[in-house]
C-alpha atoms as a PDB file:
ATOM      1  CA  MET A   1     -23.722  -6.225   9.514  1.00  0.00           C
ATOM      2  CA  GLU A   2     -24.111  -6.627   5.791  1.00  0.00           C
ATOM      3  CA  ALA A   3     -21.519  -8.568   3.802  1.00  0.00           C
ATOM      4  CA  GLU A   4     -20.479  -5.615   1.623  1.00  0.00           C
ATOM      5  CA  LYS A   5     -19.629  -3.512   4.672  1.00  0.00           C
ATOM      6  CA  ILE A   6     -17.624  -6.370   6.202  1.00  0.00           C
ATOM      7  CA  ARG A   7     -15.752  -6.862   2.914  1.00  0.00           C
ATOM      8  CA  GLN A   8     -14.955  -3.157   2.803  1.00  0.00           C
ATOM      9  CA  TYR A   9     -13.665  -3.092   6.401  1.00  0.00           C
ATOM     10  CA  ILE A  10     -11.456  -6.131   5.790  1.00  0.00           C
ATOM     11  CA  ALA A  11     -10.049  -4.687   2.543  1.00  0.00           C
ATOM     12  CA  ILE A  12      -9.275  -1.337   4.163  1.00  0.00           C
ATOM     13  CA  ALA A  13      -7.729  -2.953   7.255  1.00  0.00           C
ATOM     14  CA  ALA A  14      -5.590  -5.310   5.142  1.00  0.00           C
ATOM     15  CA  ALA A  15      -4.329  -2.601   2.783  1.00  0.00           C
ATOM     16  CA  SER A  16      -3.478  -0.236   5.617  1.00  0.00           C
ATOM     17  CA  PHE A  17      -1.764  -3.088   7.494  1.00  0.00           C
ATOM     18  CA  ILE A  18       0.445  -3.854   4.476  1.00  0.00           C
ATOM     19  CA  PHE A  19       1.535  -0.243   4.034  1.00  0.00           C
ATOM     20  CA  LEU A  20       1.946   0.472   7.747  1.00  0.00           C
ATOM     21  CA  VAL A  21       3.960  -2.671   8.528  1.00  0.00           C
ATOM     22  CA  PHE A  22       6.379  -2.282   5.647  1.00  0.00           C
ATOM     23  CA  GLY A  23       6.557   1.509   6.021  1.00  0.00           C
ATOM     24  CA  ILE A  24       7.348   1.391   9.734  1.00  0.00           C
ATOM     25  CA  TRP A  25       9.770  -1.509   9.185  1.00  0.00           C
ATOM     26  CA  GLU A  26      11.644   0.553   6.570  1.00  0.00           C
ATOM     27  CA  LEU A  27      11.823   3.470   9.015  1.00  0.00           C
ATOM     28  CA  ILE A  28      13.012   1.353  11.944  1.00  0.00           C
ATOM     29  CA  ASP A  29      15.518  -0.814  10.033  1.00  0.00           C
ATOM     30  CA  PRO A  30      16.399   0.773   6.671  1.00  0.00           C
ATOM     31  CA  GLN A  31      19.577  -1.343   6.378  1.00  0.00           C
ATOM     32  CA  HIS A  32      17.403  -4.448   6.023  1.00  0.00           C
ATOM     33  CA  TRP A  33      15.818  -2.989   2.868  1.00  0.00           C
ATOM     34  CA  ILE A  34      18.861  -1.532   1.082  1.00  0.00           C
ATOM     35  CA  GLY A  35      19.236  -4.721  -0.957  1.00  0.00           C
ATOM     36  CA  PHE A  36      15.929  -3.948  -2.669  1.00  0.00           C
ATOM     37  CA  VAL A  37      17.066  -0.534  -3.936  1.00  0.00           C
ATOM     38  CA  PRO A  38      17.974  -0.899  -7.623  1.00  0.00           C
ATOM     39  CA  ALA A  39      21.676  -0.243  -8.295  1.00  0.00           C
ATOM     40  CA  SER A  40      20.765   2.529 -10.746  1.00  0.00           C
ATOM     41  CA  PHE A  41      19.545   4.592  -7.785  1.00  0.00           C
ATOM     42  CA  TYR A  42      22.873   4.394  -5.952  1.00  0.00           C
ATOM     43  CA  ILE A  43      23.768   7.926  -7.015  1.00  0.00           C
ATOM     44  CA  PHE A  44      21.792   8.774  -3.874  1.00  0.00           C
ATOM     45  CA  ASP A  45      22.368   7.324  -0.429  1.00  0.00           C
ATOM     46  CA  PRO A  46      20.250   4.130  -0.446  1.00  0.00           C
ATOM     47  CA  THR A  47      19.413   4.555   3.255  1.00  0.00           C
ATOM     48  CA  ILE A  48      17.781   7.909   2.524  1.00  0.00           C
ATOM     49  CA  LEU A  49      15.794   6.356  -0.329  1.00  0.00           C
ATOM     50  CA  VAL A  50      14.557   3.549   1.935  1.00  0.00           C
ATOM     51  CA  VAL A  51      13.558   6.022   4.667  1.00  0.00           C
ATOM     52  CA  MET A  52      11.713   8.209   2.139  1.00  0.00           C
ATOM     53  CA  HIS A  53       9.934   5.100   0.830  1.00  0.00           C
ATOM     54  CA  GLY A  54       9.053   4.126   4.405  1.00  0.00           C
ATOM     55  CA  ILE A  55       7.549   7.553   5.053  1.00  0.00           C
ATOM     56  CA  ILE A  56       5.443   7.310   1.894  1.00  0.00           C
ATOM     57  CA  LEU A  57       4.187   3.816   2.808  1.00  0.00           C
ATOM     58  CA  THR A  58       3.374   4.892   6.367  1.00  0.00           C
ATOM     59  CA  VAL A  59       1.439   7.963   5.218  1.00  0.00           C
ATOM     60  CA  LEU A  60      -0.513   5.852   2.701  1.00  0.00           C
ATOM     61  CA  GLY A  61      -1.340   3.332   5.443  1.00  0.00           C
ATOM     62  CA  ILE A  62      -2.613   6.104   7.720  1.00  0.00           C
ATOM     63  CA  TRP A  63      -4.703   7.656   4.934  1.00  0.00           C
ATOM     64  CA  ILE A  64      -6.261   4.290   4.115  1.00  0.00           C
ATOM     65  CA  ILE A  65      -7.077   3.280   7.704  1.00  0.00           C
ATOM     66  CA  THR A  66      -8.581   6.669   8.539  1.00  0.00           C
ATOM     67  CA  GLY A  67     -10.575   6.729   5.309  1.00  0.00           C
ATOM     68  CA  LYS A  68      -9.269  10.204   4.499  1.00  0.00           C
ATOM     69  CA  TRP A  69      -8.407  10.501   0.851  1.00  0.00           C
ATOM     70  CA  LEU A  70      -9.007   6.750   0.420  1.00  0.00           C
ATOM     71  CA  ARG A  71      -9.237   6.945  -3.359  1.00  0.00           C
ATOM     72  CA  ILE A  72      -6.131   9.168  -3.615  1.00  0.00           C
ATOM     73  CA  ALA A  73      -4.214   6.880  -1.233  1.00  0.00           C
ATOM     74  CA  ALA A  74      -5.257   3.842  -3.275  1.00  0.00           C
ATOM     75  CA  ILE A  75      -4.094   5.457  -6.519  1.00  0.00           C
ATOM     76  CA  PHE A  76      -0.740   6.482  -5.027  1.00  0.00           C
ATOM     77  CA  GLY A  77      -0.447   3.073  -3.361  1.00  0.00           C
ATOM     78  CA  THR A  78      -1.034   1.423  -6.725  1.00  0.00           C
ATOM     79  CA  LEU A  79       1.706   3.579  -8.271  1.00  0.00           C
ATOM     80  CA  VAL A  80       4.115   2.705  -5.447  1.00  0.00           C
ATOM     81  CA  MET A  81       3.325  -0.983  -5.855  1.00  0.00           C
ATOM     82  CA  ALA A  82       3.745  -0.693  -9.648  1.00  0.00           C
ATOM     83  CA  GLN A  83       7.236   0.725  -9.105  1.00  0.00           C
ATOM     84  CA  ILE A  84       8.055  -2.189  -6.795  1.00  0.00           C
ATOM     85  CA  VAL A  85       6.602  -4.782  -9.188  1.00  0.00           C
ATOM     86  CA  ILE A  86       8.482  -3.372 -12.183  1.00  0.00           C
ATOM     87  CA  ALA A  87      11.762  -3.327 -10.237  1.00  0.00           C
ATOM     88  CA  LEU A  88      11.188  -6.910  -9.062  1.00  0.00           C
ATOM     89  CA  PHE A  89      10.401  -8.076 -12.578  1.00  0.00           C
ATOM     90  CA  ILE A  90      13.548  -6.423 -13.959  1.00  0.00           C
ATOM     91  CA  LEU A  91      15.720  -7.905 -11.188  1.00  0.00           C
ATOM     92  CA  SER A  92      14.295 -11.410 -10.889  1.00  0.00           C
ATOM     93  CA  ARG A  93      11.648 -11.847 -13.583  1.00  0.00           C
ATOM     94  CA  PHE A  94       8.773 -14.044 -12.451  1.00  0.00           C
ATOM     95  CA  SER A  95       9.455 -14.814  -8.777  1.00  0.00           C
ATOM     96  CA  ASP A  96       7.532 -15.404  -5.576  1.00  0.00           C
ATOM     97  CA  LEU A  97       8.088 -11.763  -4.544  1.00  0.00           C
ATOM     98  CA  PHE A  98       6.851 -10.549  -7.923  1.00  0.00           C
ATOM     99  CA  VAL A  99       3.658 -12.619  -7.621  1.00  0.00           C
ATOM    100  CA  ARG A 100       3.042 -11.453  -4.039  1.00  0.00           C
ATOM    101  CA  ASP A 101       3.574  -7.774  -4.817  1.00  0.00           C
ATOM    102  CA  PHE A 102       1.601  -7.912  -8.063  1.00  0.00           C
ATOM    103  CA  THR A 103      -1.316  -9.366  -6.083  1.00  0.00           C
ATOM    104  CA  ILE A 104      -0.985  -6.557  -3.530  1.00  0.00           C
ATOM    105  CA  LEU A 105      -0.950  -4.046  -6.407  1.00  0.00           C
ATOM    106  CA  LEU A 106      -4.268  -5.400  -7.721  1.00  0.00           C
ATOM    107  CA  PHE A 107      -5.728  -5.481  -4.224  1.00  0.00           C
ATOM    108  CA  VAL A 108      -4.782  -1.842  -3.556  1.00  0.00           C
ATOM    109  CA  LEU A 109      -6.035  -0.832  -7.002  1.00  0.00           C
ATOM    110  CA  SER A 110      -9.440  -2.273  -6.094  1.00  0.00           C
ATOM    111  CA  LEU A 111      -9.675   0.244  -3.236  1.00  0.00           C
ATOM    112  CA  ALA A 112      -9.545   3.072  -5.778  1.00  0.00           C
ATOM    113  CA  PHE A 113     -13.018   1.972  -6.832  1.00  0.00           C
ATOM    114  CA  GLU A 114     -14.506   2.167  -3.323  1.00  0.00           C
ATOM    115  CA  ASP A 115     -17.426   4.536  -3.084  1.00  0.00           C
ATOM    116  CA  ASN A 116     -16.446   6.500   0.019  1.00  0.00           C
ATOM    117  CA  LYS A 117     -19.628   8.552   0.244  1.00  0.00           C
ATOM    118  CA  THR A 118     -21.878   5.512  -0.019  1.00  0.00           C
ATOM    119  CA  ALA A 119     -19.739   3.585   2.455  1.00  0.00           C
ATOM    120  CA  LYS A 120     -19.829   6.392   5.024  1.00  0.00           C
ATOM    121  CA  LYS A 121     -23.563   6.859   4.500  1.00  0.00           C
ATOM    122  CA  LYS A 122     -24.191   3.137   5.046  1.00  0.00           C
ATOM    123  CA  GLN A 123     -21.962   3.146   8.109  1.00  0.00           C
ATOM    124  CA  PHE A 124     -24.221   5.616   9.915  1.00  0.00           C
ATOM    125  CA  GLU A 125     -27.538   4.334   8.623  1.00  0.00           C
ATOM    126  CA  VAL A 126     -29.974   3.385  11.347  1.00  0.00           C
ATOM    127  CA  ARG A 127     -32.400   0.589  10.563  1.00  0.00           C
ATOM    128  CA  ILE A 128     -35.770   0.647  12.216  1.00  0.00           C
END
């Protein structure tokens, strides 16, 4: 297996893992995540906001792992991560969570530049 294909599989698996784990966790235990909802959003029920966020993360994780709409999922995932990074920076400035989530943002953004058609073509290529 060529290195580029392995790199692509690892990147896709890692990005989908991130979104699926946190998305499902937010759906299963939204109370755990309420502390991360900025106070300015408390005009809505924070539990509903966490559940909606969990649904979005889960859907993005599924889109990424299946390869359907990979570029669209990566762009939306980048936007979701940007929202998280901005909120973290406002709340705690430069922190360990900010650094972690900013790194995830860049990682997910890199998936927006994947060439899906080339990747799928290479996946089914038969070498003689």
